[in-house]
Amino acid sequence: MFRWTWMAGAFVAALAALAVTGMVVVGFRRSVVPQSFLADFRVANRSGATVYVTALGTGPDGRIAVLPQFHSRANPGRLERPRAVPLPSGETRTVLYDWDEIQFMWIAVRGEKGPWRVLRTGLTVYARNADGSASFVPPHLKEYAVPPLRTLPLAPPNVAAAAKQAGSRGARP
C-alpha cells in the first residue's frame, strides 16, 4: 500500500512545476513570438474575371518564394502549402504572413489561361544590416486591388516560375 511521504509530495510538486513551465513556454512560443511578426493585407479582385493569386517575396538568400502564411492570429498555425488561390471577381482574400522571414514584393496574378502577370507591392528588396543579416518590412498598404489583367505587366521569368510552382500545389494555375 502506498504511503504519502514528504518525498512523494516533493516529487509530485516538481512534476507539476515542470508541467506548468512547459505549458507556459510552449504557449508563449506558439502564440506570442510568431504573432509579433505577423502582418496581413487583402487582395481584392477588380479584374472582372476569376483570377489566381500568389503572394511572393524575396528571402534572405535572394530566392523568390511564396510568403509563409498562417491560418489566423488566434490560431497562428502555419499553412502547410501556401499556393495559387482562385479569387472570383469582386471578392477579397486576406493574407496573413510572417514578414520577418521574407520581403513581400509581388502578387502574381493569372487568369484561367494565359501568362502570369505581376502586381508590384511597392516594397523593395530588403536591406542588409551591418552584421550581414537581412532586414524586412511589413506591407505599407492594407489592400492591393487586381485591375483588369491586360493592364498588368508580364511577370519576370523568376517571379513567374515561383508562381507556377505554387500553382502546381493544388490550385488550377
Protein backbone atom coordinates (compact mmCIF):
# COMPACT_ATOMS: atom_id res chain seq x y z
CA MET A 1 0.00 0.00 0.00
CA PHE A 2 1.25 3.46 -0.91
CA ARG A 3 2.00 5.90 1.89
CA TRP A 4 2.16 9.58 1.23
CA THR A 5 5.56 10.82 2.31
CA TRP A 6 7.34 14.11 2.01
CA MET A 7 9.40 12.67 -0.90
CA ALA A 8 6.27 11.68 -2.83
CA GLY A 9 4.85 15.16 -2.22
CA ALA A 10 8.08 16.83 -3.41
CA PHE A 11 8.15 14.61 -6.50
CA VAL A 12 4.55 15.49 -7.41
CA ALA A 13 5.24 19.20 -6.81
CA ALA A 14 8.32 19.06 -9.05
CA LEU A 15 6.36 17.33 -11.83
CA ALA A 16 3.59 19.92 -11.56
CA ALA A 17 6.12 22.77 -11.75
CA LEU A 18 7.74 21.24 -14.85
CA ALA A 19 4.36 20.74 -16.50
CA VAL A 20 3.28 24.34 -15.84
CA THR A 21 6.65 25.69 -17.04
CA GLY A 22 6.42 23.58 -20.18
CA MET A 23 2.89 24.82 -20.90
CA VAL A 24 3.95 28.43 -20.40
CA VAL A 25 7.00 28.06 -22.67
CA VAL A 26 5.06 26.17 -25.35
CA GLY A 27 2.15 28.59 -25.10
CA PHE A 28 4.49 31.58 -25.32
CA ARG A 29 6.35 30.17 -28.29
CA ARG A 30 3.15 29.20 -30.06
CA SER A 31 1.18 32.39 -29.57
CA VAL A 32 3.28 35.42 -28.69
CA VAL A 33 6.51 35.01 -30.63
CA PRO A 34 5.05 34.22 -34.08
CA GLN A 35 2.36 36.89 -33.73
CA SER A 36 4.88 39.64 -33.16
CA PHE A 37 5.91 39.41 -36.82
CA LEU A 38 2.55 38.63 -38.40
CA ALA A 39 1.19 41.13 -40.91
CA ASP A 40 -1.91 40.98 -43.04
CA PHE A 41 -3.13 42.53 -46.25
CA ARG A 42 -6.09 41.99 -48.55
CA VAL A 43 -6.12 41.19 -52.24
CA ALA A 44 -9.28 42.49 -53.95
CA ASN A 45 -10.18 41.19 -57.40
CA ARG A 46 -11.38 44.13 -59.53
CA SER A 47 -10.42 42.47 -62.81
CA GLY A 48 -13.90 41.36 -63.87
CA ALA A 49 -12.93 37.67 -64.04
CA THR A 50 -11.76 34.91 -61.71
CA VAL A 51 -8.00 35.10 -61.18
CA TYR A 52 -5.41 33.00 -59.38
CA VAL A 53 -3.22 34.95 -56.97
CA THR A 54 0.05 34.05 -55.29
CA ALA A 55 1.81 36.36 -52.82
CA LEU A 56 5.58 36.23 -53.35
CA GLY A 57 8.68 37.76 -51.84
CA THR A 58 12.44 37.58 -51.67
CA GLY A 59 14.08 35.67 -48.84
CA PRO A 60 17.42 36.34 -47.14
CA ASP A 61 19.17 34.11 -49.67
CA GLY A 62 17.77 36.15 -52.60
CA ARG A 63 15.42 33.43 -53.83
CA ILE A 64 11.82 34.21 -54.71
CA ALA A 65 9.31 32.21 -52.71
CA VAL A 66 5.69 32.10 -51.62
CA LEU A 67 5.04 34.04 -48.41
CA PRO A 68 4.98 31.88 -45.24
CA GLN A 69 1.28 32.16 -44.39
CA PHE A 70 -0.78 31.46 -41.27
CA HIS A 71 -4.39 30.45 -40.55
CA SER A 72 -5.23 33.33 -38.19
CA ARG A 73 -3.84 35.43 -35.37
CA ALA A 74 -5.92 33.45 -32.88
CA ASN A 75 -4.59 30.14 -34.25
CA PRO A 76 -1.22 31.01 -35.77
CA GLY A 77 -0.51 27.53 -37.10
CA ARG A 78 1.38 27.81 -40.37
CA LEU A 79 -0.44 26.82 -43.55
CA GLU A 80 1.16 23.67 -44.83
CA ARG A 81 1.03 24.55 -48.50
CA PRO A 82 0.51 28.17 -49.49
CA ARG A 83 -0.44 28.12 -53.16
CA ALA A 84 -2.08 29.93 -56.02
CA VAL A 85 -5.57 30.70 -54.79
CA PRO A 86 -8.62 31.24 -57.00
CA LEU A 87 -10.21 34.62 -56.36
CA PRO A 88 -13.59 35.22 -58.05
CA SER A 89 -14.33 38.65 -59.48
CA GLY A 90 -15.43 41.17 -56.86
CA GLU A 91 -14.15 39.09 -53.92
CA THR A 92 -11.37 39.81 -51.45
CA ARG A 93 -8.95 37.47 -49.70
CA THR A 94 -6.89 38.26 -46.61
CA VAL A 95 -3.31 37.01 -46.45
CA LEU A 96 -1.65 36.67 -43.03
CA TYR A 97 2.08 36.06 -43.20
CA ASP A 98 5.33 36.22 -41.25
CA TRP A 99 7.05 39.35 -42.52
CA ASP A 100 10.37 38.83 -40.78
CA GLU A 101 11.17 35.76 -42.90
CA ILE A 102 10.70 37.23 -46.36
CA GLN A 103 10.29 40.60 -48.08
CA PHE A 104 6.83 40.71 -49.66
CA MET A 105 7.28 42.19 -53.15
CA TRP A 106 4.78 40.82 -55.68
CA ILE A 107 1.33 39.42 -56.15
CA ALA A 108 1.49 37.10 -59.12
CA VAL A 109 -1.85 37.03 -60.95
CA ARG A 110 -3.15 34.81 -63.70
CA GLY A 111 -6.47 34.22 -65.38
CA GLU A 112 -7.91 30.84 -66.30
CA LYS A 113 -5.43 30.81 -69.19
CA GLY A 114 -2.56 33.00 -70.15
CA PRO A 115 0.73 34.08 -68.63
CA TRP A 116 1.48 35.10 -65.08
CA ARG A 117 1.30 38.84 -64.58
CA VAL A 118 2.54 40.83 -61.64
CA LEU A 119 1.10 43.40 -59.29
CA ARG A 120 4.04 45.10 -57.58
CA THR A 121 3.61 45.95 -53.91
CA GLY A 122 5.91 48.96 -53.90
CA LEU A 123 8.20 47.26 -51.38
CA THR A 124 11.81 46.87 -52.46
CA VAL A 125 14.42 44.26 -51.80
CA TYR A 126 15.31 44.03 -48.16
CA ALA A 127 18.30 45.87 -46.72
CA ARG A 128 21.39 44.26 -45.26
CA ASN A 129 22.28 45.16 -41.71
CA ALA A 130 25.88 45.87 -40.64
CA ASP A 131 26.19 42.29 -39.36
CA GLY A 132 25.08 40.89 -42.74
CA SER A 133 21.62 39.82 -41.61
CA ALA A 134 18.56 40.75 -43.68
CA SER A 135 16.09 43.40 -42.65
CA PHE A 136 12.49 43.11 -43.86
CA VAL A 137 9.47 45.39 -43.51
CA PRO A 138 5.72 44.65 -43.37
CA PRO A 139 3.47 45.82 -46.23
CA HIS A 140 2.70 49.54 -46.44
CA LEU A 141 -0.82 49.04 -47.81
CA LYS A 142 -3.68 47.08 -46.29
CA GLU A 143 -5.29 46.29 -49.65
CA TYR A 144 -3.97 45.56 -53.13
CA ALA A 145 -6.53 45.67 -55.95
CA VAL A 146 -6.11 43.47 -59.01
CA PRO A 147 -7.08 45.52 -62.09
CA PRO A 148 -8.03 44.02 -65.49
CA LEU A 149 -5.23 41.58 -66.33
CA ARG A 150 -4.31 43.21 -69.65
CA THR A 151 -3.23 46.32 -67.70
CA LEU A 152 -0.67 44.41 -65.58
CA PRO A 153 2.89 43.80 -66.83
CA LEU A 154 4.04 40.26 -67.52
CA ALA A 155 5.80 38.68 -64.55
CA PRO A 156 9.59 38.46 -64.84
CA PRO A 157 10.67 34.84 -65.56
CA ASN A 158 11.86 34.15 -61.99
CA VAL A 159 8.62 35.51 -60.48
CA ALA A 160 6.52 33.54 -62.98
CA ALA A 161 8.47 30.36 -62.15
CA ALA A 162 7.85 30.77 -58.40
CA ALA A 163 4.13 31.43 -59.00
CA LYS A 164 3.88 28.44 -61.34
CA GLN A 165 5.49 26.20 -58.72
CA ALA A 166 2.98 27.39 -56.11
CA GLY A 167 0.15 26.87 -58.61
CA SER A 168 1.14 23.24 -59.07
CA ARG A 169 0.41 22.58 -55.38
CA GLY A 170 -3.31 22.22 -55.76
CA ALA A 171 -4.92 25.18 -57.46
CA ARG A 172 -5.59 25.21 -61.18
CA PRO A 173 -2.88 27.56 -62.47
